[in-house]
Amino acid sequence: MLQKTGQLDALLASCARFAEHTAVLTAHRQGRIAAAEKVRIGPVLVFERLWQQMGLPKIFQGLLAERKFEFDVERAVFLTVLHRLFASGSDRAAEVWRRKYAISGVERLQLHHLYRAMAYLGEPLAEDQQAGATPFAPRTVKDLIEE
């Protein structure tokens, strides 16, 4: 009887006013509010602190002092390292993956910036810095950062 007359719907709608979760879902279904997207912060907070404590931003600043990159190389490397720690995949995958995380300083980075940052890490060092290189690969910028 209540269902046929529409009174059940009215009663439920009246009760729903007191249930915040239901009110939000109803408002979304009716197009009154846009869907929210969750953003993860935990892994970024932990790894950012370790990154800072190891002095990596200052290391990059010193190594890049003479270079003129038009993007933040340190942030591009941070993003790719963070991605490799928490998910497998390429730089292309990292560029998509980052959208789910609140990572400061990476908002304007594009895929080609990640490629260029990785190329920078792979640049061979000068001949006078090749001590300890293997016969298979020269020492690169990555080696300086690791040391």
C-alpha atoms as a PDB file:
ATOM      1  CA  MET A   1       0.000   0.000   0.000  1.00  0.00           C
ATOM      2  CA  LEU A   2       2.713   2.532   0.984  1.00  0.00           C
ATOM      3  CA  GLN A   3       4.742   1.524  -2.040  1.00  0.00           C
ATOM      4  CA  LYS A   4       1.859   2.018  -4.509  1.00  0.00           C
ATOM      5  CA  THR A   5       0.992   5.470  -3.176  1.00  0.00           C
ATOM      6  CA  GLY A   6       4.608   6.694  -3.151  1.00  0.00           C
ATOM      7  CA  GLN A   7       4.547   7.253   0.598  1.00  0.00           C
ATOM      8  CA  LEU A   8       7.329   4.718   1.135  1.00  0.00           C
ATOM      9  CA  ASP A   9       9.664   6.705  -1.106  1.00  0.00           C
ATOM     10  CA  ALA A  10       8.744   9.908   0.726  1.00  0.00           C
ATOM     11  CA  LEU A  11       9.363   8.248   4.098  1.00  0.00           C
ATOM     12  CA  LEU A  12      12.752   6.888   3.005  1.00  0.00           C
ATOM     13  CA  ALA A  13      13.764  10.246   1.529  1.00  0.00           C
ATOM     14  CA  SER A  14      12.803  11.915   4.790  1.00  0.00           C
ATOM     15  CA  CYS A  15      14.922   9.454   6.805  1.00  0.00           C
ATOM     16  CA  ALA A  16      17.819   9.782   4.357  1.00  0.00           C
ATOM     17  CA  ARG A  17      18.292  13.410   5.432  1.00  0.00           C
ATOM     18  CA  PHE A  18      19.817  12.053   8.639  1.00  0.00           C
ATOM     19  CA  ALA A  19      22.213   9.669   6.863  1.00  0.00           C
ATOM     20  CA  GLU A  20      25.099  11.718   5.460  1.00  0.00           C
ATOM     21  CA  HIS A  21      26.502   8.867   3.367  1.00  0.00           C
ATOM     22  CA  THR A  22      23.163   8.267   1.683  1.00  0.00           C
ATOM     23  CA  ALA A  23      22.610  11.999   1.156  1.00  0.00           C
ATOM     24  CA  VAL A  24      25.933  12.326  -0.653  1.00  0.00           C
ATOM     25  CA  LEU A  25      25.240   9.315  -2.874  1.00  0.00           C
ATOM     26  CA  THR A  26      21.758  10.595  -3.680  1.00  0.00           C
ATOM     27  CA  ALA A  27      23.098  14.064  -4.517  1.00  0.00           C
ATOM     28  CA  HIS A  28      25.689  12.493  -6.811  1.00  0.00           C
ATOM     29  CA  ARG A  29      23.083  10.345  -8.573  1.00  0.00           C
ATOM     30  CA  GLN A  30      20.941  13.434  -9.108  1.00  0.00           C
ATOM     31  CA  GLY A  31      23.881  15.325 -10.621  1.00  0.00           C
ATOM     32  CA  ARG A  32      24.034  17.921  -7.841  1.00  0.00           C
ATOM     33  CA  ILE A  33      27.651  17.071  -6.934  1.00  0.00           C
ATOM     34  CA  ALA A  34      30.535  15.720  -8.954  1.00  0.00           C
ATOM     35  CA  ALA A  35      32.239  12.436  -8.167  1.00  0.00           C
ATOM     36  CA  ALA A  36      35.279  12.750  -5.941  1.00  0.00           C
ATOM     37  CA  GLU A  37      38.528  11.016  -6.694  1.00  0.00           C
ATOM     38  CA  LYS A  38      40.682   9.537  -3.975  1.00  0.00           C
ATOM     39  CA  VAL A  39      44.330  10.486  -3.869  1.00  0.00           C
ATOM     40  CA  ARG A  40      46.889   8.415  -2.004  1.00  0.00           C
ATOM     41  CA  ILE A  41      49.426  10.151   0.228  1.00  0.00           C
ATOM     42  CA  GLY A  42      51.030   7.482   2.454  1.00  0.00           C
ATOM     43  CA  PRO A  43      53.781   6.123   0.210  1.00  0.00           C
ATOM     44  CA  VAL A  44      54.671   9.628  -0.932  1.00  0.00           C
ATOM     45  CA  LEU A  45      54.989  10.983   2.621  1.00  0.00           C
ATOM     46  CA  VAL A  46      57.261   8.148   3.742  1.00  0.00           C
ATOM     47  CA  PHE A  47      59.457   8.107   0.650  1.00  0.00           C
ATOM     48  CA  GLU A  48      59.654  11.924   0.446  1.00  0.00           C
ATOM     49  CA  ARG A  49      61.051  12.041   3.970  1.00  0.00           C
ATOM     50  CA  LEU A  50      63.677   9.390   3.154  1.00  0.00           C
ATOM     51  CA  TRP A  51      64.528  11.214  -0.086  1.00  0.00           C
ATOM     52  CA  GLN A  52      65.048  14.456   1.848  1.00  0.00           C
ATOM     53  CA  GLN A  53      67.051  12.801   4.652  1.00  0.00           C
ATOM     54  CA  MET A  54      69.418  11.248   2.121  1.00  0.00           C
ATOM     55  CA  GLY A  55      70.028  14.731   0.732  1.00  0.00           C
ATOM     56  CA  LEU A  56      68.992  13.829  -2.794  1.00  0.00           C
ATOM     57  CA  PRO A  57      67.452  17.228  -3.672  1.00  0.00           C
ATOM     58  CA  LYS A  58      70.772  18.933  -2.785  1.00  0.00           C
ATOM     59  CA  ILE A  59      72.750  16.327  -4.709  1.00  0.00           C
ATOM     60  CA  PHE A  60      70.661  16.982  -7.807  1.00  0.00           C
ATOM     61  CA  GLN A  61      70.926  20.728  -7.287  1.00  0.00           C
ATOM     62  CA  GLY A  62      74.724  20.465  -7.240  1.00  0.00           C
ATOM     63  CA  LEU A  63      74.938  18.172 -10.242  1.00  0.00           C
ATOM     64  CA  LEU A  64      72.494  20.264 -12.262  1.00  0.00           C
ATOM     65  CA  ALA A  65      73.997  23.675 -11.412  1.00  0.00           C
ATOM     66  CA  GLU A  66      75.565  24.034 -14.864  1.00  0.00           C
ATOM     67  CA  ARG A  67      72.696  22.428 -16.778  1.00  0.00           C
ATOM     68  CA  LYS A  68      69.704  24.254 -18.214  1.00  0.00           C
ATOM     69  CA  PHE A  69      66.788  21.829 -18.092  1.00  0.00           C
ATOM     70  CA  GLU A  70      63.363  23.435 -18.585  1.00  0.00           C
ATOM     71  CA  PHE A  71      61.765  21.072 -16.057  1.00  0.00           C
ATOM     72  CA  ASP A  72      62.520  19.838 -12.549  1.00  0.00           C
ATOM     73  CA  VAL A  73      64.821  16.851 -13.102  1.00  0.00           C
ATOM     74  CA  GLU A  74      64.931  15.988  -9.406  1.00  0.00           C
ATOM     75  CA  ARG A  75      61.125  15.727  -9.252  1.00  0.00           C
ATOM     76  CA  ALA A  76      61.040  13.627 -12.428  1.00  0.00           C
ATOM     77  CA  VAL A  77      63.572  11.202 -10.955  1.00  0.00           C
ATOM     78  CA  PHE A  78      61.696  11.174  -7.640  1.00  0.00           C
ATOM     79  CA  LEU A  79      58.481  10.249  -9.457  1.00  0.00           C
ATOM     80  CA  THR A  80      60.069   7.447 -11.453  1.00  0.00           C
ATOM     81  CA  VAL A  81      61.868   5.995  -8.424  1.00  0.00           C
ATOM     82  CA  LEU A  82      58.685   6.177  -6.337  1.00  0.00           C
ATOM     83  CA  HIS A  83      56.769   4.448  -9.108  1.00  0.00           C
ATOM     84  CA  ARG A  84      59.341   1.677  -9.373  1.00  0.00           C
ATOM     85  CA  LEU A  85      59.146   1.112  -5.615  1.00  0.00           C
ATOM     86  CA  PHE A  86      55.378   0.725  -5.511  1.00  0.00           C
ATOM     87  CA  ALA A  87      54.400  -0.528  -8.969  1.00  0.00           C
ATOM     88  CA  SER A  88      56.128  -2.133 -11.882  1.00  0.00           C
ATOM     89  CA  GLY A  89      56.207  -0.594 -15.291  1.00  0.00           C
ATOM     90  CA  SER A  90      57.768   1.916 -17.587  1.00  0.00           C
ATOM     91  CA  ASP A  91      58.082   5.692 -17.423  1.00  0.00           C
ATOM     92  CA  ARG A  92      54.883   5.799 -19.463  1.00  0.00           C
ATOM     93  CA  ALA A  93      53.173   3.790 -16.718  1.00  0.00           C
ATOM     94  CA  ALA A  94      54.614   6.148 -14.079  1.00  0.00           C
ATOM     95  CA  GLU A  95      53.163   9.153 -15.888  1.00  0.00           C
ATOM     96  CA  VAL A  96      49.670   7.627 -15.609  1.00  0.00           C
ATOM     97  CA  TRP A  97      50.199   6.105 -12.138  1.00  0.00           C
ATOM     98  CA  ARG A  98      51.103   9.450 -10.552  1.00  0.00           C
ATOM     99  CA  ARG A  99      47.564  10.785 -11.028  1.00  0.00           C
ATOM    100  CA  LYS A 100      46.418   8.621  -8.098  1.00  0.00           C
ATOM    101  CA  TYR A 101      49.003  10.115  -5.725  1.00  0.00           C
ATOM    102  CA  ALA A 102      49.562  13.533  -4.167  1.00  0.00           C
ATOM    103  CA  ILE A 103      53.180  14.128  -5.213  1.00  0.00           C
ATOM    104  CA  SER A 104      54.401  17.700  -4.878  1.00  0.00           C
ATOM    105  CA  GLY A 105      56.215  19.245  -7.812  1.00  0.00           C
ATOM    106  CA  VAL A 106      55.208  16.734 -10.493  1.00  0.00           C
ATOM    107  CA  GLU A 107      51.994  18.352 -11.699  1.00  0.00           C
ATOM    108  CA  ARG A 108      53.573  19.929 -14.777  1.00  0.00           C
ATOM    109  CA  LEU A 109      55.836  17.023 -15.721  1.00  0.00           C
ATOM    110  CA  GLN A 110      55.075  15.298 -18.985  1.00  0.00           C
ATOM    111  CA  LEU A 111      56.150  11.917 -20.285  1.00  0.00           C
ATOM    112  CA  HIS A 112      59.036  13.332 -22.321  1.00  0.00           C
ATOM    113  CA  HIS A 113      60.410  14.924 -19.123  1.00  0.00           C
ATOM    114  CA  LEU A 114      60.590  11.490 -17.497  1.00  0.00           C
ATOM    115  CA  TYR A 115      62.412  10.129 -20.554  1.00  0.00           C
ATOM    116  CA  ARG A 116      64.871  13.048 -20.483  1.00  0.00           C
ATOM    117  CA  ALA A 117      65.499  12.608 -16.747  1.00  0.00           C
ATOM    118  CA  MET A 118      66.326   8.938 -17.265  1.00  0.00           C
ATOM    119  CA  ALA A 119      68.609   9.857 -20.177  1.00  0.00           C
ATOM    120  CA  TYR A 120      70.381  12.336 -17.901  1.00  0.00           C
ATOM    121  CA  LEU A 121      70.979   9.622 -15.288  1.00  0.00           C
ATOM    122  CA  GLY A 122      72.498   7.441 -18.003  1.00  0.00           C
ATOM    123  CA  GLU A 123      74.930  10.063 -19.338  1.00  0.00           C
ATOM    124  CA  PRO A 124      78.518   8.781 -19.180  1.00  0.00           C
ATOM    125  CA  LEU A 125      80.877  10.679 -16.897  1.00  0.00           C
ATOM    126  CA  ALA A 126      84.066  12.321 -18.176  1.00  0.00           C
ATOM    127  CA  GLU A 127      87.109  10.097 -18.779  1.00  0.00           C
ATOM    128  CA  ASP A 128      88.780  11.278 -15.568  1.00  0.00           C
ATOM    129  CA  GLN A 129      85.743   9.963 -13.611  1.00  0.00           C
ATOM    130  CA  GLN A 130      85.729   6.470 -15.112  1.00  0.00           C
ATOM    131  CA  ALA A 131      87.857   4.834 -12.393  1.00  0.00           C
ATOM    132  CA  GLY A 132      86.072   1.680 -11.305  1.00  0.00           C
ATOM    133  CA  ALA A 133      84.003   1.356 -14.472  1.00  0.00           C
ATOM    134  CA  THR A 134      83.377  -2.157 -15.714  1.00  0.00           C
ATOM    135  CA  PRO A 135      84.486  -3.262 -19.167  1.00  0.00           C
ATOM    136  CA  PHE A 136      80.794  -3.553 -20.071  1.00  0.00           C
ATOM    137  CA  ALA A 137      79.492  -0.135 -19.077  1.00  0.00           C
ATOM    138  CA  PRO A 138      80.909   3.319 -18.349  1.00  0.00           C
ATOM    139  CA  ARG A 139      80.259   5.149 -15.092  1.00  0.00           C
ATOM    140  CA  THR A 140      77.287   7.471 -15.425  1.00  0.00           C
ATOM    141  CA  VAL A 141      75.578  10.305 -13.540  1.00  0.00           C
ATOM    142  CA  LYS A 142      73.538   7.627 -11.754  1.00  0.00           C
ATOM    143  CA  ASP A 143      76.780   6.323 -10.220  1.00  0.00           C
ATOM    144  CA  LEU A 144      77.619   9.760  -8.789  1.00  0.00           C
ATOM    145  CA  ILE A 145      74.205  10.034  -7.200  1.00  0.00           C
ATOM    146  CA  GLU A 146      74.411   6.538  -5.721  1.00  0.00           C
ATOM    147  CA  GLU A 147      77.843   7.258  -4.260  1.00  0.00           C
END
